[in-house]
Amino acid sequence: MLVPTGRREDSELDKLKIGVIGYGNMGTGHVANLMAGKVEEMELTAVCDIAPARREAAKAAYPGLAVFETAEELYDSGLCDTVLIAVPHYKHPPLAIEAFRHGLNVITEKPAGVYTKQVQEMNEVAERSGKVFGIMYNQRTNPVYQKVRDMIQRGDLGHIKRITWIITDWYRSQAYHDSSTWRSTWREEGGGALINQNPHQLDLWQWMFGMPDRIFAKASFGKYYDIEVEDDVMAYFEYDNGTTGEYITSTGEAPGTNRLEIACDMGKVVVEGNKLTFFRNRVSEREFNRDNKAPFGRPECWECNVPADFSGGAQHVGILRNFAAAVLHGTPLLARGEEGILGLTISNAIHLSAWTNETVDVKNFPHDRYYELLQEKIAGSTKVKKAAQVVADTKGTY
């Protein structure tokens, strides 16, 4: 699907003029890549951050670069046709909406937002704007997951019976949670492991396997750390076609595990330890079962090491290059911004199930109910007073 390029003159540009909103942990990395010329069809023209220290740091690092205090000033400057939003999660949708209203193309960092209701509004404004909208799902550039997705779409696996992803190598110490006042709170971050560490995996899950139809989950909140959000999660996914899934994640395990296992009619695929292995049945298990007469018979299975590039791919630079090509040349986007709501819906559904002990209907996700319960979490936050006392610090990331 080709993405509309918005203004006709976009296709006549040699380079996109991009502004970065937020000169924090992610923003500084994006700025460095752009200033190093790693994205050939983009030119960094402006940065903004409401924290004085960060603005001064940007000016010192890149003399001559336009540096603004607010996103509104950057939008009004006329220096940019595109913006990259790299600020705390709650701010992604409102800043994107305002950018679209200023006629700008938008790339937002992950996650798309904290709750689906605000992301729905962002997607509606993006569609009306006619501008190009992307999201920094840089793991979609990873050749390993591209290979797995291709194997699935080609039908190499047959029917998928079960998916298990154990992703517990996100270890974060108490010092990490204490490193910024916006971290690990309902009020400022909107969640824990799911909203911070896991958006890429939840996106990859739906990108490779499609959206689950139902989710039941258990989660622990502050199990390992002095935080109020989730740091340990076990979720069970159901699909109408009979596929089931298990998603296990934690920030409290060391050294942790990253293992993706896909049980299918044609055998089993395992991604772990820089290795992609297809334990391939010579014939489909269902076909073997239909014809087999031996009580302990089983299909002949070959262990196949699937060639794959484990370098990680082009990552953030790859997403930016693809975005520039989409605007300038009509190249399909690898990560459409509107798709950010999919992984977020999975994340919200896991939260909702853990809060209510109910199975959540993903296809008919109760956006309003989730929003209401999230507001209750925010209102009952044990860190509300602390957060209110350091507003300047919590906002000083863009």
Protein backbone atom coordinates (compact mmCIF):
# COMPACT_ATOMS: atom_id res chain seq x y z
CA MET A 1 0.00 0.00 0.00
CA LEU A 2 1.43 3.35 -1.05
CA VAL A 3 1.21 6.13 1.49
CA PRO A 4 -0.05 9.54 0.32
CA THR A 5 2.77 12.03 0.13
CA GLY A 6 0.68 15.02 1.16
CA ARG A 7 1.82 18.28 -0.41
CA ARG A 8 2.58 17.91 -4.11
CA GLU A 9 5.85 19.79 -3.68
CA ASP A 10 7.16 17.04 -1.36
CA SER A 11 7.87 14.90 -4.41
CA GLU A 12 9.89 17.74 -5.92
CA LEU A 13 12.27 18.03 -2.95
CA ASP A 14 15.81 16.66 -2.98
CA LYS A 15 15.85 16.22 0.80
CA LEU A 16 13.40 16.37 3.66
CA LYS A 17 14.02 19.14 6.17
CA ILE A 18 13.46 17.48 9.52
CA GLY A 19 13.14 18.83 13.04
CA VAL A 20 13.62 16.69 16.15
CA ILE A 21 11.32 17.32 19.09
CA GLY A 22 13.06 16.20 22.26
CA TYR A 23 16.79 16.26 22.88
CA GLY A 24 16.78 13.48 25.46
CA ASN A 25 18.03 9.90 25.33
CA MET A 26 16.42 9.02 21.97
CA GLY A 27 16.47 12.51 20.49
CA THR A 28 20.23 12.92 20.88
CA GLY A 29 20.79 9.65 19.04
CA HIS A 30 18.55 10.66 16.15
CA VAL A 31 20.22 14.07 15.93
CA ALA A 32 23.67 12.47 15.88
CA ASN A 33 22.67 10.10 13.05
CA LEU A 34 21.17 12.91 11.00
CA MET A 35 24.09 15.28 11.53
CA ALA A 36 26.50 12.51 10.57
CA GLY A 37 24.78 12.25 7.20
CA LYS A 38 23.59 8.69 7.73
CA VAL A 39 20.17 9.51 6.25
CA GLU A 40 21.11 10.84 2.84
CA GLU A 41 17.71 12.26 1.94
CA MET A 42 17.14 14.11 5.21
CA GLU A 43 18.61 17.37 6.46
CA LEU A 44 18.32 18.25 10.14
CA THR A 45 17.23 21.87 10.36
CA ALA A 46 15.96 22.31 13.92
CA VAL A 47 15.72 20.84 17.42
CA CYS A 48 13.51 21.77 20.35
CA ASP A 49 13.46 20.92 24.03
CA ILE A 50 11.76 22.78 26.88
CA ALA A 51 14.66 22.05 29.26
CA PRO A 52 17.20 24.92 29.17
CA ALA A 53 20.13 22.58 29.85
CA ARG A 54 19.24 20.38 26.92
CA ARG A 55 18.87 23.35 24.60
CA GLU A 56 22.29 24.59 25.61
CA ALA A 57 23.74 21.13 25.06
CA ALA A 58 22.31 21.04 21.53
CA LYS A 59 23.69 24.50 20.74
CA ALA A 60 27.11 23.55 22.04
CA ALA A 61 27.19 20.27 20.12
CA TYR A 62 25.88 21.70 16.83
CA PRO A 63 26.64 25.42 16.45
CA GLY A 64 24.38 27.04 13.89
CA LEU A 65 21.56 24.54 14.30
CA ALA A 66 18.23 26.21 15.05
CA VAL A 67 17.19 25.36 18.61
CA PHE A 68 13.72 26.16 19.94
CA GLU A 69 12.11 25.99 23.36
CA THR A 70 8.74 24.60 22.28
CA ALA A 71 7.37 22.42 19.54
CA GLU A 72 4.98 25.20 18.57
CA GLU A 73 7.91 27.51 17.86
CA LEU A 74 9.52 24.83 15.72
CA TYR A 75 6.27 24.19 13.85
CA ASP A 76 5.81 27.89 13.14
CA SER A 77 9.42 28.45 12.06
CA GLY A 78 8.92 27.18 8.52
CA LEU A 79 12.27 25.40 8.74
CA CYS A 80 10.83 21.88 8.57
CA ASP A 81 8.53 19.82 6.40
CA THR A 82 8.88 16.80 8.71
CA VAL A 83 9.22 16.27 12.46
CA LEU A 84 10.46 13.37 14.56
CA ILE A 85 8.84 13.20 18.01
CA ALA A 86 11.06 11.78 20.77
CA VAL A 87 9.46 12.77 24.08
CA PRO A 88 7.71 10.96 27.00
CA HIS A 89 4.91 8.65 25.90
CA TYR A 90 1.83 10.68 26.79
CA LYS A 91 3.08 13.56 24.62
CA HIS A 92 3.34 11.60 21.37
CA PRO A 93 -0.27 11.97 20.15
CA PRO A 94 -0.85 15.66 21.04
CA LEU A 95 2.44 16.73 19.47
CA ALA A 96 1.74 14.65 16.35
CA ILE A 97 -1.77 16.05 16.03
CA GLU A 98 -0.48 19.61 16.18
CA ALA A 99 2.22 18.83 13.64
CA PHE A 100 -0.33 17.44 11.19
CA ARG A 101 -2.41 20.58 11.65
CA HIS A 102 0.67 22.58 10.68
CA GLY A 103 0.94 20.57 7.47
CA LEU A 104 3.99 18.55 8.52
CA ASN A 105 4.92 14.93 7.95
CA VAL A 106 5.40 13.04 11.23
CA ILE A 107 7.54 10.24 12.59
CA THR A 108 6.82 9.35 16.21
CA GLU A 109 8.92 7.31 18.57
CA LYS A 110 7.35 4.19 20.03
CA PRO A 111 4.93 3.64 21.63
CA ALA A 112 2.25 5.42 19.61
CA GLY A 113 0.77 6.60 22.90
CA VAL A 114 -0.21 5.27 26.30
CA TYR A 115 -3.85 4.41 25.67
CA THR A 116 -5.69 3.52 22.48
CA LYS A 117 -8.28 6.27 22.79
CA GLN A 118 -5.70 9.03 22.28
CA VAL A 119 -4.04 7.10 19.45
CA GLN A 120 -7.36 6.72 17.65
CA GLU A 121 -7.66 10.51 17.62
CA MET A 122 -4.10 10.89 16.34
CA ASN A 123 -4.75 8.40 13.52
CA GLU A 124 -7.92 10.21 12.49
CA VAL A 125 -6.11 13.56 12.27
CA ALA A 126 -3.25 11.93 10.36
CA GLU A 127 -5.65 10.50 7.79
CA ARG A 128 -7.40 13.84 7.27
CA SER A 129 -4.08 15.66 6.92
CA GLY A 130 -2.89 13.67 3.91
CA LYS A 131 0.64 13.79 5.32
CA VAL A 132 3.03 10.86 5.66
CA PHE A 133 2.92 9.27 9.11
CA GLY A 134 5.53 6.83 10.38
CA ILE A 135 6.52 5.23 13.67
CA MET A 136 9.97 4.25 14.90
CA TYR A 137 9.41 0.49 14.88
CA ASN A 138 13.05 -0.05 14.03
CA GLN A 139 12.93 -3.78 14.82
CA ARG A 140 10.99 -4.24 11.59
CA THR A 141 14.34 -3.66 9.85
CA ASN A 142 15.81 -6.69 11.64
CA PRO A 143 16.53 -9.32 8.95
CA VAL A 144 15.78 -12.19 11.34
CA TYR A 145 12.20 -11.13 12.00
CA GLN A 146 11.78 -10.22 8.35
CA LYS A 147 12.82 -13.77 7.50
CA VAL A 148 10.37 -15.31 9.98
CA ARG A 149 7.56 -13.11 8.66
CA ASP A 150 8.40 -14.11 5.09
CA MET A 151 8.39 -17.81 6.01
CA ILE A 152 4.93 -17.39 7.54
CA GLN A 153 3.52 -15.44 4.60
CA ARG A 154 4.95 -17.93 2.10
CA GLY A 155 3.13 -20.74 3.93
CA ASP A 156 6.38 -22.56 4.81
CA LEU A 157 5.14 -23.28 8.34
CA GLY A 158 1.61 -24.34 7.52
CA HIS A 159 -0.91 -23.69 10.26
CA ILE A 160 0.66 -22.16 13.37
CA LYS A 161 -0.41 -24.07 16.47
CA ARG A 162 1.38 -22.23 19.27
CA ILE A 163 3.62 -19.19 19.67
CA THR A 164 5.75 -18.71 22.77
CA TRP A 165 7.92 -15.65 23.24
CA ILE A 166 9.97 -15.42 26.42
CA ILE A 167 11.56 -11.98 26.44
CA THR A 168 13.02 -11.44 29.90
CA ASP A 169 16.44 -10.01 29.07
CA TRP A 170 15.17 -6.47 29.71
CA TYR A 171 16.83 -6.32 33.12
CA ARG A 172 16.51 -2.88 34.72
CA SER A 173 17.81 -2.16 38.22
CA GLN A 174 16.25 0.10 40.83
CA ALA A 175 18.82 2.72 39.83
CA TYR A 176 17.28 2.77 36.35
CA HIS A 177 13.78 3.32 37.72
CA ASP A 178 15.11 6.08 39.96
CA SER A 179 17.08 7.77 37.17
CA SER A 180 14.19 10.00 36.12
CA THR A 181 11.01 11.07 37.87
CA TRP A 182 8.83 10.19 34.87
CA ARG A 183 9.93 6.56 34.81
CA SER A 184 7.82 3.70 36.12
CA THR A 185 4.74 5.73 37.12
CA TRP A 186 1.17 5.64 35.84
CA ARG A 187 1.04 9.41 35.75
CA GLU A 188 4.17 10.09 33.70
CA GLU A 189 5.05 6.87 31.85
CA GLY A 190 1.70 5.11 31.71
CA GLY A 191 3.05 1.66 32.49
CA GLY A 192 6.21 -0.34 32.94
CA ALA A 193 7.73 -3.23 31.00
CA LEU A 194 4.90 -3.33 28.46
CA ILE A 195 4.87 0.35 27.56
CA ASN A 196 8.62 0.96 27.80
CA GLN A 197 10.66 -2.12 26.97
CA ASN A 198 8.19 -4.29 25.03
CA PRO A 199 6.50 -2.14 22.34
CA HIS A 200 8.88 -3.50 19.68
CA GLN A 201 8.14 -7.15 20.52
CA LEU A 202 4.38 -6.56 20.73
CA ASP A 203 4.52 -4.86 17.34
CA LEU A 204 6.62 -7.68 15.88
CA TRP A 205 4.13 -10.20 17.27
CA GLN A 206 1.18 -8.69 15.40
CA TRP A 207 3.38 -7.93 12.34
CA MET A 208 4.40 -11.58 12.04
CA PHE A 209 1.36 -13.42 13.40
CA GLY A 210 -1.55 -11.00 13.25
CA MET A 211 -3.65 -9.64 16.09
CA PRO A 212 -4.87 -12.13 18.71
CA ASP A 213 -8.63 -12.27 19.24
CA ARG A 214 -8.61 -12.69 23.02
CA ILE A 215 -6.08 -12.09 25.79
CA PHE A 216 -5.93 -13.24 29.40
CA ALA A 217 -3.02 -12.06 31.50
CA LYS A 218 -1.47 -11.93 34.94
CA ALA A 219 0.96 -9.21 35.91
CA SER A 220 2.87 -8.17 39.00
CA PHE A 221 3.21 -4.50 39.85
CA GLY A 222 6.32 -3.58 41.82
CA LYS A 223 7.22 -7.24 42.35
CA TYR A 224 10.96 -6.68 42.10
CA TYR A 225 11.31 -2.92 42.49
CA ASP A 226 9.92 0.05 44.34
CA ILE A 227 7.68 1.06 41.44
CA GLU A 228 3.93 1.15 40.87
CA VAL A 229 3.81 -0.34 37.35
CA GLU A 230 4.28 -3.83 35.95
CA ASP A 231 7.68 -5.51 36.08
CA ASP A 232 6.58 -9.13 35.47
CA VAL A 233 3.96 -10.32 32.94
CA MET A 234 2.50 -13.60 31.66
CA ALA A 235 -0.14 -13.35 28.93
CA TYR A 236 -2.14 -15.97 27.05
CA PHE A 237 -3.31 -15.15 23.51
CA GLU A 238 -6.09 -16.90 21.60
CA TYR A 239 -6.87 -16.76 17.90
CA ASP A 240 -10.16 -17.75 16.31
CA ASN A 241 -8.29 -20.13 13.99
CA GLY A 242 -7.07 -22.18 16.98
CA THR A 243 -3.59 -20.68 17.32
CA THR A 244 -2.56 -19.94 20.90
CA GLY A 245 0.23 -17.79 22.22
CA GLU A 246 2.18 -17.21 25.39
CA TYR A 247 3.95 -13.91 26.02
CA ILE A 248 6.28 -13.76 29.03
CA THR A 249 8.27 -10.68 29.93
CA SER A 250 10.02 -9.17 32.93
CA THR A 251 12.54 -6.51 33.88
CA GLY A 252 13.54 -8.39 37.03
CA GLU A 253 15.42 -11.40 35.64
CA ALA A 254 19.16 -11.58 35.06
CA PRO A 255 20.58 -12.74 32.72
CA GLY A 256 17.15 -13.33 31.24
CA THR A 257 16.03 -15.04 28.03
CA ASN A 258 15.00 -14.04 24.53
CA ARG A 259 13.48 -17.08 22.87
CA LEU A 260 10.77 -17.12 20.22
CA GLU A 261 9.30 -20.55 19.51
CA ILE A 262 6.68 -21.26 16.85
CA ALA A 263 5.04 -24.70 16.81
CA CYS A 264 3.39 -25.38 13.46
CA ASP A 265 2.11 -28.16 11.22
CA MET A 266 5.45 -28.28 9.46
CA GLY A 267 7.46 -28.57 12.69
CA LYS A 268 8.95 -25.88 14.91
CA VAL A 269 10.85 -22.62 14.42
CA VAL A 270 13.14 -21.30 17.16
CA VAL A 271 14.85 -17.91 17.27
CA GLU A 272 17.39 -17.75 20.07
CA GLY A 273 21.05 -16.94 20.62
CA ASN A 274 21.79 -15.54 17.17
CA LYS A 275 20.37 -18.63 15.53
CA LEU A 276 17.25 -19.26 13.47
CA THR A 277 16.41 -22.96 13.39
CA PHE A 278 13.58 -24.68 11.53
CA PHE A 279 12.94 -28.18 12.87
CA ARG A 280 11.14 -29.10 9.67
CA ASN A 281 8.83 -32.08 9.36
CA ARG A 282 9.26 -33.90 6.08
CA VAL A 283 5.47 -33.93 5.79
CA SER A 284 2.88 -31.91 7.66
CA GLU A 285 2.05 -33.29 11.10
CA ARG A 286 -1.63 -33.25 10.19
CA GLU A 287 -0.97 -35.21 7.02
CA PHE A 288 1.24 -37.67 8.90
CA ASN A 289 -1.39 -38.11 11.60
CA ARG A 290 -4.05 -38.86 9.01
CA ASP A 291 -2.04 -41.62 7.34
CA ASN A 292 0.03 -43.05 10.20
CA LYS A 293 -0.90 -46.45 11.66
CA ALA A 294 1.99 -46.92 14.11
CA PRO A 295 1.00 -46.12 17.76
CA PHE A 296 4.30 -44.32 18.46
CA GLY A 297 5.00 -43.07 14.99
CA ARG A 298 6.08 -39.50 14.40
CA PRO A 299 7.03 -37.45 11.34
CA GLU A 300 10.61 -37.48 10.12
CA CYS A 301 12.12 -34.15 11.16
CA TRP A 302 15.13 -32.27 9.75
CA GLU A 303 17.04 -29.68 11.76
CA CYS A 304 17.62 -26.81 9.34
CA ASN A 305 19.77 -23.83 10.21
CA VAL A 306 18.07 -21.02 8.31
CA PRO A 307 20.52 -18.41 6.97
CA ALA A 308 19.75 -15.01 8.46
CA ASP A 309 21.61 -11.78 9.10
CA PHE A 310 21.89 -11.30 12.87
CA SER A 311 23.47 -7.85 12.62
CA GLY A 312 20.14 -6.28 13.61
CA GLY A 313 19.66 -4.47 10.33
CA ALA A 314 19.61 -0.74 9.69
CA GLN A 315 17.44 -0.03 12.77
CA HIS A 316 16.64 3.68 13.40
CA VAL A 317 18.57 4.88 10.38
CA GLY A 318 16.72 2.35 8.23
CA ILE A 319 13.33 3.65 9.34
CA LEU A 320 14.39 7.23 8.60
CA ARG A 321 15.73 6.31 5.17
CA ASN A 322 12.53 4.47 4.34
CA PHE A 323 10.43 7.40 5.55
CA ALA A 324 12.32 9.84 3.33
CA ALA A 325 11.85 7.50 0.37
CA ALA A 326 8.12 7.31 1.12
CA VAL A 327 7.72 11.08 1.03
CA LEU A 328 10.06 11.79 -1.86
CA HIS A 329 9.50 8.76 -4.08
CA GLY A 330 6.26 7.09 -2.97
CA THR A 331 8.04 4.04 -1.53
CA PRO A 332 5.75 2.04 0.79
CA LEU A 333 6.42 2.67 4.46
CA LEU A 334 7.92 -0.19 6.44
CA ALA A 335 6.29 1.11 9.64
CA ARG A 336 3.12 3.13 9.11
CA GLY A 337 2.26 5.37 12.05
CA GLU A 338 -1.35 4.23 12.01
CA GLU A 339 -0.18 0.70 12.84
CA GLY A 340 1.13 1.85 16.20
CA ILE A 341 -2.32 1.28 17.66
CA LEU A 342 -2.04 -2.48 17.07
CA GLY A 343 0.81 -3.29 19.44
CA LEU A 344 -0.58 -0.73 21.89
CA THR A 345 -3.95 -2.51 21.86
CA ILE A 346 -2.18 -5.74 22.85
CA SER A 347 -0.36 -3.88 25.64
CA ASN A 348 -3.57 -2.22 26.88
CA ALA A 349 -5.42 -5.54 26.72
CA ILE A 350 -2.77 -7.23 28.88
CA HIS A 351 -3.05 -4.42 31.43
CA LEU A 352 -6.84 -4.56 31.39
CA SER A 353 -6.93 -8.32 31.86
CA ALA A 354 -4.42 -8.16 34.71
CA TRP A 355 -6.41 -5.40 36.42
CA THR A 356 -9.80 -7.10 36.08
CA ASN A 357 -8.92 -10.82 35.95
CA GLU A 358 -11.04 -11.02 32.80
CA THR A 359 -10.41 -12.28 29.27
CA VAL A 360 -10.31 -9.25 26.99
CA ASP A 361 -11.97 -9.20 23.57
CA VAL A 362 -9.24 -7.62 21.44
CA LYS A 363 -11.37 -7.23 18.31
CA ASN A 364 -13.91 -5.21 20.32
CA PHE A 365 -11.47 -3.59 22.69
CA PRO A 366 -13.21 -1.38 25.30
CA HIS A 367 -11.21 1.80 24.74
CA ASP A 368 -13.29 3.91 27.13
CA ARG A 369 -13.15 1.37 29.92
CA TYR A 370 -9.38 1.10 29.68
CA TYR A 371 -9.05 4.86 29.77
CA GLU A 372 -11.26 5.12 32.87
CA LEU A 373 -9.29 2.46 34.76
CA LEU A 374 -6.01 4.10 33.78
CA GLN A 375 -7.27 7.38 35.22
CA GLU A 376 -7.99 5.55 38.48
CA LYS A 377 -4.41 4.27 38.51
CA ILE A 378 -3.12 7.79 37.93
CA ALA A 379 -5.33 9.23 40.65
CA GLY A 380 -4.13 6.61 43.12
CA SER A 381 -0.49 7.00 42.19
CA THR A 382 1.84 6.93 45.16
CA LYS A 383 4.21 9.16 43.23
CA VAL A 384 1.74 11.91 42.27
CA LYS A 385 3.12 14.33 44.84
CA LYS A 386 6.69 13.60 43.89
CA ALA A 387 5.91 13.98 40.21
CA ALA A 388 4.11 17.26 40.78
CA GLN A 389 7.13 18.64 42.59
CA VAL A 390 9.43 18.03 39.66
CA VAL A 391 7.33 19.08 36.69
CA ALA A 392 10.26 20.83 35.09
CA ASP A 393 12.32 17.65 35.19
CA THR A 394 9.62 15.32 33.91
CA LYS A 395 8.80 17.63 31.02
CA GLY A 396 12.39 18.41 30.23
CA THR A 397 12.77 15.67 27.67
CA TYR A 398 11.76 17.53 24.56
